[in-house]
Amino acid sequence: MASLKLEIMDKIVALMTAAFGFVAALAWNEAISTLMVQWLGEGDDQVLGLLIYAVIVTIVAVIAIVLISRVYGKIKAKEEAKEKK
């Protein structure tokens, strides 16, 4: 029964990770794109701004994914320890 619980938790963590990345990207995309246009103007400078934006969003998403994975790892270790008893 515990292995089914861990498998379900695996899927939930994967869905949470994907959902976080998707929602964060949607939430910030328009606002940051508009900010970059205002800050850098139109043209080639805008491309540089969008690249900087993409790097920043990627870093934030990776940090969130690592934190979620660490929490899940702790939960999984506790469940596996219970299963061995």
PDB file of N, CA and C in Angstrom:
ATOM      1  N   MET A   1       0.823  -1.199   0.000  1.00  0.00           N
ATOM      2  CA  MET A   1       0.000   0.000   0.000  1.00  0.00           C
ATOM      3  C   MET A   1       0.865   1.259   0.000  1.00  0.00           C
ATOM      4  N   ALA A   2       1.978   1.204   0.737  1.00  0.00           N
ATOM      5  CA  ALA A   2       2.853   2.376   0.803  1.00  0.00           C
ATOM      6  C   ALA A   2       3.483   2.664  -0.552  1.00  0.00           C
ATOM      7  N   SER A   3       3.777   1.609  -1.329  1.00  0.00           N
ATOM      8  CA  SER A   3       4.376   1.846  -2.643  1.00  0.00           C
ATOM      9  C   SER A   3       3.393   2.554  -3.570  1.00  0.00           C
ATOM     10  N   LEU A   4       2.110   2.248  -3.448  1.00  0.00           N
ATOM     11  CA  LEU A   4       1.096   2.956  -4.232  1.00  0.00           C
ATOM     12  C   LEU A   4       1.057   4.419  -3.811  1.00  0.00           C
ATOM     13  N   LYS A   5       1.145   4.657  -2.501  1.00  0.00           N
ATOM     14  CA  LYS A   5       1.163   6.032  -1.991  1.00  0.00           C
ATOM     15  C   LYS A   5       2.365   6.796  -2.545  1.00  0.00           C
ATOM     16  N   LEU A   6       3.544   6.160  -2.573  1.00  0.00           N
ATOM     17  CA  LEU A   6       4.736   6.812  -3.112  1.00  0.00           C
ATOM     18  C   LEU A   6       4.601   7.061  -4.602  1.00  0.00           C
ATOM     19  N   GLU A   7       4.013   6.127  -5.308  1.00  0.00           N
ATOM     20  CA  GLU A   7       3.827   6.312  -6.756  1.00  0.00           C
ATOM     21  C   GLU A   7       2.893   7.479  -7.035  1.00  0.00           C
ATOM     22  N   ILE A   8       1.825   7.581  -6.255  1.00  0.00           N
ATOM     23  CA  ILE A   8       0.901   8.709  -6.402  1.00  0.00           C
ATOM     24  C   ILE A   8       1.617  10.015  -6.083  1.00  0.00           C
ATOM     25  N   MET A   9       2.427  10.003  -5.023  1.00  0.00           N
ATOM     26  CA  MET A   9       3.181  11.214  -4.668  1.00  0.00           C
ATOM     27  C   MET A   9       4.178  11.575  -5.765  1.00  0.00           C
ATOM     28  N   ASP A  10       4.803  10.569  -6.399  1.00  0.00           N
ATOM     29  CA  ASP A  10       5.701  10.832  -7.528  1.00  0.00           C
ATOM     30  C   ASP A  10       4.974  11.620  -8.609  1.00  0.00           C
ATOM     31  N   LYS A  11       3.792  11.163  -8.946  1.00  0.00           N
ATOM     32  CA  LYS A  11       3.009  11.816 -10.011  1.00  0.00           C
ATOM     33  C   LYS A  11       2.577  13.214  -9.603  1.00  0.00           C
ATOM     34  N   ILE A  12       2.187  13.365  -8.352  1.00  0.00           N
ATOM     35  CA  ILE A  12       1.763  14.690  -7.877  1.00  0.00           C
ATOM     36  C   ILE A  12       2.924  15.673  -7.919  1.00  0.00           C
ATOM     37  N   VAL A  13       4.105  15.236  -7.494  1.00  0.00           N
ATOM     38  CA  VAL A  13       5.280  16.110  -7.537  1.00  0.00           C
ATOM     39  C   VAL A  13       5.606  16.498  -8.976  1.00  0.00           C
ATOM     40  N   ALA A  14       5.534  15.549  -9.891  1.00  0.00           N
ATOM     41  CA  ALA A  14       5.802  15.852 -11.304  1.00  0.00           C
ATOM     42  C   ALA A  14       4.792  16.854 -11.843  1.00  0.00           C
ATOM     43  N   LEU A  15       3.526  16.670 -11.500  1.00  0.00           N
ATOM     44  CA  LEU A  15       2.495  17.608 -11.958  1.00  0.00           C
ATOM     45  C   LEU A  15       2.666  18.986 -11.333  1.00  0.00           C
ATOM     46  N   MET A  16       3.003  19.019 -10.042  1.00  0.00           N
ATOM     47  CA  MET A  16       3.224  20.309  -9.378  1.00  0.00           C
ATOM     48  C   MET A  16       4.386  21.058 -10.010  1.00  0.00           C
ATOM     49  N   THR A  17       5.443  20.332 -10.322  1.00  0.00           N
ATOM     50  CA  THR A  17       6.615  20.946 -10.924  1.00  0.00           C
ATOM     51  C   THR A  17       6.276  21.531 -12.295  1.00  0.00           C
ATOM     52  N   ALA A  18       5.594  20.745 -13.105  1.00  0.00           N
ATOM     53  CA  ALA A  18       5.207  21.222 -14.433  1.00  0.00           C
ATOM     54  C   ALA A  18       4.240  22.400 -14.333  1.00  0.00           C
ATOM     55  N   ALA A  19       3.282  22.290 -13.433  1.00  0.00           N
ATOM     56  CA  ALA A  19       2.296  23.355 -13.272  1.00  0.00           C
ATOM     57  C   ALA A  19       2.945  24.648 -12.804  1.00  0.00           C
ATOM     58  N   PHE A  20       3.886  24.538 -11.873  1.00  0.00           N
ATOM     59  CA  PHE A  20       4.562  25.738 -11.388  1.00  0.00           C
ATOM     60  C   PHE A  20       5.280  26.461 -12.519  1.00  0.00           C
ATOM     61  N   GLY A  21       6.018  25.715 -13.303  1.00  0.00           N
ATOM     62  CA  GLY A  21       6.735  26.323 -14.418  1.00  0.00           C
ATOM     63  C   GLY A  21       5.807  26.983 -15.420  1.00  0.00           C
ATOM     64  N   PHE A  22       4.721  26.314 -15.727  1.00  0.00           N
ATOM     65  CA  PHE A  22       3.772  26.827 -16.708  1.00  0.00           C
ATOM     66  C   PHE A  22       3.046  28.074 -16.198  1.00  0.00           C
ATOM     67  N   VAL A  23       2.536  28.001 -14.992  1.00  0.00           N
ATOM     68  CA  VAL A  23       1.791  29.127 -14.428  1.00  0.00           C
ATOM     69  C   VAL A  23       2.695  30.335 -14.219  1.00  0.00           C
ATOM     70  N   ALA A  24       3.892  30.092 -13.720  1.00  0.00           N
ATOM     71  CA  ALA A  24       4.816  31.204 -13.513  1.00  0.00           C
ATOM     72  C   ALA A  24       5.155  31.884 -14.830  1.00  0.00           C
ATOM     73  N   ALA A  25       5.388  31.094 -15.844  1.00  0.00           N
ATOM     74  CA  ALA A  25       5.711  31.668 -17.154  1.00  0.00           C
ATOM     75  C   ALA A  25       4.547  32.485 -17.691  1.00  0.00           C
ATOM     76  N   LEU A  26       3.343  31.971 -17.568  1.00  0.00           N
ATOM     77  CA  LEU A  26       2.169  32.715 -18.050  1.00  0.00           C
ATOM     78  C   LEU A  26       1.941  33.992 -17.249  1.00  0.00           C
ATOM     79  N   ALA A  27       2.117  33.892 -15.939  1.00  0.00           N
ATOM     80  CA  ALA A  27       1.836  35.041 -15.083  1.00  0.00           C
ATOM     81  C   ALA A  27       2.789  36.202 -15.341  1.00  0.00           C
ATOM     82  N   TRP A  28       4.033  35.887 -15.595  1.00  0.00           N
ATOM     83  CA  TRP A  28       5.035  36.926 -15.735  1.00  0.00           C
ATOM     84  C   TRP A  28       5.333  37.326 -17.174  1.00  0.00           C
ATOM     85  N   ASN A  29       4.948  36.528 -18.112  1.00  0.00           N
ATOM     86  CA  ASN A  29       5.342  36.749 -19.498  1.00  0.00           C
ATOM     87  C   ASN A  29       4.978  38.142 -20.022  1.00  0.00           C
ATOM     88  N   GLU A  30       3.719  38.482 -19.956  1.00  0.00           N
ATOM     89  CA  GLU A  30       3.275  39.761 -20.526  1.00  0.00           C
ATOM     90  C   GLU A  30       3.840  40.950 -19.759  1.00  0.00           C
ATOM     91  N   ALA A  31       3.831  40.867 -18.445  1.00  0.00           N
ATOM     92  CA  ALA A  31       4.323  41.988 -17.639  1.00  0.00           C
ATOM     93  C   ALA A  31       5.802  42.254 -17.897  1.00  0.00           C
ATOM     94  N   ILE A  32       6.594  41.219 -17.899  1.00  0.00           N
ATOM     95  CA  ILE A  32       8.028  41.414 -18.086  1.00  0.00           C
ATOM     96  C   ILE A  32       8.349  41.787 -19.529  1.00  0.00           C
ATOM     97  N   SER A  33       7.611  41.213 -20.474  1.00  0.00           N
ATOM     98  CA  SER A  33       7.821  41.589 -21.880  1.00  0.00           C
ATOM     99  C   SER A  33       7.538  43.080 -22.082  1.00  0.00           C
ATOM    100  N   THR A  34       6.454  43.552 -21.493  1.00  0.00           N
ATOM    101  CA  THR A  34       6.111  44.972 -21.600  1.00  0.00           C
ATOM    102  C   THR A  34       7.173  45.834 -20.921  1.00  0.00           C
ATOM    103  N   LEU A  35       7.646  45.418 -19.771  1.00  0.00           N
ATOM    104  CA  LEU A  35       8.699  46.143 -19.073  1.00  0.00           C
ATOM    105  C   LEU A  35       9.969  46.219 -19.922  1.00  0.00           C
ATOM    106  N   MET A  36      10.328  45.131 -20.562  1.00  0.00           N
ATOM    107  CA  MET A  36      11.524  45.112 -21.402  1.00  0.00           C
ATOM    108  C   MET A  36      11.374  46.058 -22.600  1.00  0.00           C
ATOM    109  N   VAL A  37      10.190  46.099 -23.187  1.00  0.00           N
ATOM    110  CA  VAL A  37       9.965  47.013 -24.312  1.00  0.00           C
ATOM    111  C   VAL A  37      10.089  48.459 -23.841  1.00  0.00           C
ATOM    112  N   GLN A  38       9.523  48.772 -22.676  1.00  0.00           N
ATOM    113  CA  GLN A  38       9.612  50.133 -22.152  1.00  0.00           C
ATOM    114  C   GLN A  38      11.044  50.497 -21.778  1.00  0.00           C
ATOM    115  N   TRP A  39      11.752  49.549 -21.224  1.00  0.00           N
ATOM    116  CA  TRP A  39      13.119  49.796 -20.758  1.00  0.00           C
ATOM    117  C   TRP A  39      14.107  49.873 -21.912  1.00  0.00           C
ATOM    118  N   LEU A  40      13.997  48.925 -22.859  1.00  0.00           N
ATOM    119  CA  LEU A  40      14.976  48.847 -23.939  1.00  0.00           C
ATOM    120  C   LEU A  40      14.474  49.398 -25.271  1.00  0.00           C
ATOM    121  N   GLY A  41      13.185  49.619 -25.395  1.00  0.00           N
ATOM    122  CA  GLY A  41      12.638  50.084 -26.651  1.00  0.00           C
ATOM    123  C   GLY A  41      12.462  48.939 -27.636  1.00  0.00           C
ATOM    124  N   GLU A  42      12.162  49.286 -28.843  1.00  0.00           N
ATOM    125  CA  GLU A  42      11.948  48.294 -29.894  1.00  0.00           C
ATOM    126  C   GLU A  42      13.276  47.977 -30.571  1.00  0.00           C
ATOM    127  N   GLY A  43      13.333  46.868 -31.265  1.00  0.00           N
ATOM    128  CA  GLY A  43      14.515  46.533 -32.065  1.00  0.00           C
ATOM    129  C   GLY A  43      15.400  45.482 -31.428  1.00  0.00           C
ATOM    130  N   ASP A  44      16.679  45.547 -31.773  1.00  0.00           N
ATOM    131  CA  ASP A  44      17.636  44.527 -31.339  1.00  0.00           C
ATOM    132  C   ASP A  44      17.814  44.491 -29.822  1.00  0.00           C
ATOM    133  N   ASP A  45      17.714  45.642 -29.167  1.00  0.00           N
ATOM    134  CA  ASP A  45      17.850  45.677 -27.715  1.00  0.00           C
ATOM    135  C   ASP A  45      16.740  44.874 -27.029  1.00  0.00           C
ATOM    136  N   GLN A  46      15.577  44.853 -27.664  1.00  0.00           N
ATOM    137  CA  GLN A  46      14.462  44.102 -27.094  1.00  0.00           C
ATOM    138  C   GLN A  46      14.789  42.609 -27.039  1.00  0.00           C
ATOM    139  N   VAL A  47      15.469  42.107 -28.036  1.00  0.00           N
ATOM    140  CA  VAL A  47      15.843  40.691 -28.063  1.00  0.00           C
ATOM    141  C   VAL A  47      16.759  40.373 -26.884  1.00  0.00           C
ATOM    142  N   LEU A  48      17.722  41.212 -26.612  1.00  0.00           N
ATOM    143  CA  LEU A  48      18.607  41.020 -25.471  1.00  0.00           C
ATOM    144  C   LEU A  48      17.805  41.017 -24.170  1.00  0.00           C
ATOM    145  N   GLY A  49      16.876  41.915 -24.044  1.00  0.00           N
ATOM    146  CA  GLY A  49      16.030  41.973 -22.854  1.00  0.00           C
ATOM    147  C   GLY A  49      15.209  40.709 -22.677  1.00  0.00           C
ATOM    148  N   LEU A  50      14.672  40.202 -23.768  1.00  0.00           N
ATOM    149  CA  LEU A  50      13.882  38.971 -23.693  1.00  0.00           C
ATOM    150  C   LEU A  50      14.750  37.770 -23.329  1.00  0.00           C
ATOM    151  N   LEU A  51      15.983  37.770 -23.790  1.00  0.00           N
ATOM    152  CA  LEU A  51      16.897  36.691 -23.417  1.00  0.00           C
ATOM    153  C   LEU A  51      17.234  36.758 -21.924  1.00  0.00           C
ATOM    154  N   ILE A  52      17.457  37.957 -21.426  1.00  0.00           N
ATOM    155  CA  ILE A  52      17.715  38.130 -19.991  1.00  0.00           C
ATOM    156  C   ILE A  52      16.503  37.665 -19.187  1.00  0.00           C
ATOM    157  N   TYR A  53      15.330  38.048 -19.638  1.00  0.00           N
ATOM    158  CA  TYR A  53      14.082  37.627 -19.001  1.00  0.00           C
ATOM    159  C   TYR A  53      13.973  36.102 -18.970  1.00  0.00           C
ATOM    160  N   ALA A  54      14.255  35.453 -20.071  1.00  0.00           N
ATOM    161  CA  ALA A  54      14.169  33.999 -20.140  1.00  0.00           C
ATOM    162  C   ALA A  54      15.137  33.334 -19.167  1.00  0.00           C
ATOM    163  N   VAL A  55      16.329  33.873 -19.051  1.00  0.00           N
ATOM    164  CA  VAL A  55      17.319  33.319 -18.122  1.00  0.00           C
ATOM    165  C   VAL A  55      16.843  33.481 -16.672  1.00  0.00           C
ATOM    166  N   ILE A  56      16.325  34.635 -16.338  1.00  0.00           N
ATOM    167  CA  ILE A  56      15.851  34.873 -14.975  1.00  0.00           C
ATOM    168  C   ILE A  56      14.697  33.938 -14.624  1.00  0.00           C
ATOM    169  N   VAL A  57      13.731  33.807 -15.513  1.00  0.00           N
ATOM    170  CA  VAL A  57      12.591  32.922 -15.269  1.00  0.00           C
ATOM    171  C   VAL A  57      13.053  31.476 -15.125  1.00  0.00           C
ATOM    172  N   THR A  58      14.009  31.075 -15.927  1.00  0.00           N
ATOM    173  CA  THR A  58      14.532  29.713 -15.847  1.00  0.00           C
ATOM    174  C   THR A  58      15.207  29.466 -14.502  1.00  0.00           C
ATOM    175  N   ILE A  59      15.988  30.412 -14.036  1.00  0.00           N
ATOM    176  CA  ILE A  59      16.665  30.271 -12.743  1.00  0.00           C
ATOM    177  C   ILE A  59      15.643  30.144 -11.608  1.00  0.00           C
ATOM    178  N   VAL A  60      14.624  30.974 -11.628  1.00  0.00           N
ATOM    179  CA  VAL A  60      13.587  30.912 -10.590  1.00  0.00           C
ATOM    180  C   VAL A  60      12.872  29.561 -10.637  1.00  0.00           C
ATOM    181  N   ALA A  61      12.540  29.096 -11.821  1.00  0.00           N
ATOM    182  CA  ALA A  61      11.852  27.806 -11.956  1.00  0.00           C
ATOM    183  C   ALA A  61      12.725  26.658 -11.456  1.00  0.00           C
ATOM    184  N   VAL A  62      14.003  26.685 -11.775  1.00  0.00           N
ATOM    185  CA  VAL A  62      14.911  25.625 -11.329  1.00  0.00           C
ATOM    186  C   VAL A  62      15.009  25.621  -9.802  1.00  0.00           C
ATOM    187  N   ILE A  63      15.109  26.780  -9.195  1.00  0.00           N
ATOM    188  CA  ILE A  63      15.176  26.860  -7.734  1.00  0.00           C
ATOM    189  C   ILE A  63      13.908  26.273  -7.113  1.00  0.00           C
ATOM    190  N   ALA A  64      12.758  26.635  -7.654  1.00  0.00           N
ATOM    191  CA  ALA A  64      11.494  26.105  -7.128  1.00  0.00           C
ATOM    192  C   ALA A  64      11.420  24.596  -7.290  1.00  0.00           C
ATOM    193  N   ILE A  65      11.850  24.089  -8.423  1.00  0.00           N
ATOM    194  CA  ILE A  65      11.830  22.646  -8.672  1.00  0.00           C
ATOM    195  C   ILE A  65      12.758  21.920  -7.705  1.00  0.00           C
ATOM    196  N   VAL A  66      13.925  22.475  -7.453  1.00  0.00           N
ATOM    197  CA  VAL A  66      14.868  21.863  -6.505  1.00  0.00           C
ATOM    198  C   VAL A  66      14.254  21.828  -5.103  1.00  0.00           C
ATOM    199  N   LEU A  67      13.631  22.916  -4.688  1.00  0.00           N
ATOM    200  CA  LEU A  67      13.006  22.945  -3.362  1.00  0.00           C
ATOM    201  C   LEU A  67      11.879  21.926  -3.245  1.00  0.00           C
ATOM    202  N   ILE A  68      11.036  21.845  -4.259  1.00  0.00           N
ATOM    203  CA  ILE A  68       9.950  20.861  -4.264  1.00  0.00           C
ATOM    204  C   ILE A  68      10.519  19.452  -4.208  1.00  0.00           C
ATOM    205  N   SER A  69      11.557  19.195  -4.968  1.00  0.00           N
ATOM    206  CA  SER A  69      12.172  17.867  -4.991  1.00  0.00           C
ATOM    207  C   SER A  69      12.775  17.504  -3.647  1.00  0.00           C
ATOM    208  N   ARG A  70      13.388  18.456  -2.970  1.00  0.00           N
ATOM    209  CA  ARG A  70      13.967  18.187  -1.651  1.00  0.00           C
ATOM    210  C   ARG A  70      12.884  17.827  -0.637  1.00  0.00           C
ATOM    211  N   VAL A  71      11.799  18.574  -0.639  1.00  0.00           N
ATOM    212  CA  VAL A  71      10.697  18.276   0.274  1.00  0.00           C
ATOM    213  C   VAL A  71      10.144  16.887  -0.029  1.00  0.00           C
ATOM    214  N   TYR A  72       9.960  16.599  -1.291  1.00  0.00           N
ATOM    215  CA  TYR A  72       9.460  15.286  -1.675  1.00  0.00           C
ATOM    216  C   TYR A  72      10.437  14.184  -1.259  1.00  0.00           C
ATOM    217  N   GLY A  73      11.723  14.406  -1.418  1.00  0.00           N
ATOM    218  CA  GLY A  73      12.723  13.417  -1.025  1.00  0.00           C
ATOM    219  C   GLY A  73      12.640  13.089   0.457  1.00  0.00           C
ATOM    220  N   LYS A  74      12.426  14.115   1.282  1.00  0.00           N
ATOM    221  CA  LYS A  74      12.284  13.891   2.721  1.00  0.00           C
ATOM    222  C   LYS A  74      11.033  13.082   3.030  1.00  0.00           C
ATOM    223  N   ILE A  75       9.935  13.418   2.381  1.00  0.00           N
ATOM    224  CA  ILE A  75       8.687  12.683   2.586  1.00  0.00           C
ATOM    225  C   ILE A  75       8.840  11.237   2.131  1.00  0.00           C
ATOM    226  N   LYS A  76       9.462  11.050   0.982  1.00  0.00           N
ATOM    227  CA  LYS A  76       9.651   9.701   0.443  1.00  0.00           C
ATOM    228  C   LYS A  76      10.527   8.859   1.371  1.00  0.00           C
ATOM    229  N   ALA A  77      11.585   9.449   1.916  1.00  0.00           N
ATOM    230  CA  ALA A  77      12.472   8.726   2.826  1.00  0.00           C
ATOM    231  C   ALA A  77      11.713   8.297   4.082  1.00  0.00           C
ATOM    232  N   LYS A  78      10.869   9.169   4.600  1.00  0.00           N
ATOM    233  CA  LYS A  78      10.069   8.818   5.782  1.00  0.00           C
ATOM    234  C   LYS A  78       9.103   7.681   5.468  1.00  0.00           C
ATOM    235  N   GLU A  79       8.471   7.741   4.304  1.00  0.00           N
ATOM    236  CA  GLU A  79       7.527   6.689   3.921  1.00  0.00           C
ATOM    237  C   GLU A  79       8.245   5.359   3.722  1.00  0.00           C
ATOM    238  N   GLU A  80       9.417   5.381   3.122  1.00  0.00           N
ATOM    239  CA  GLU A  80      10.178   4.154   2.911  1.00  0.00           C
ATOM    240  C   GLU A  80      10.655   3.573   4.242  1.00  0.00           C
ATOM    241  N   ALA A  81      11.007   4.451   5.192  1.00  0.00           N
ATOM    242  CA  ALA A  81      11.417   3.985   6.514  1.00  0.00           C
ATOM    243  C   ALA A  81      10.239   3.323   7.235  1.00  0.00           C
ATOM    244  N   LYS A  82       9.053   3.881   7.096  1.00  0.00           N
ATOM    245  CA  LYS A  82       7.852   3.295   7.692  1.00  0.00           C
ATOM    246  C   LYS A  82       7.571   1.931   7.076  1.00  0.00           C
ATOM    247  N   GLU A  83       7.775   1.843   5.761  1.00  0.00           N
ATOM    248  CA  GLU A  83       7.505   0.612   5.029  1.00  0.00           C
ATOM    249  C   GLU A  83       8.434  -0.523   5.479  1.00  0.00           C
ATOM    250  N   LYS A  84       9.667  -0.200   5.832  1.00  0.00           N
ATOM    251  CA  LYS A  84      10.634  -1.202   6.258  1.00  0.00           C
ATOM    252  C   LYS A  84      10.335  -1.748   7.647  1.00  0.00           C
ATOM    253  N   LYS A  85       9.631  -0.960   8.454  1.00  0.00           N
ATOM    254  CA  LYS A  85       9.329  -1.376   9.845  1.00  0.00           C
ATOM    255  C   LYS A  85       8.285  -2.436   9.885  1.00  0.00           C
TER     256      LYS A  85
END
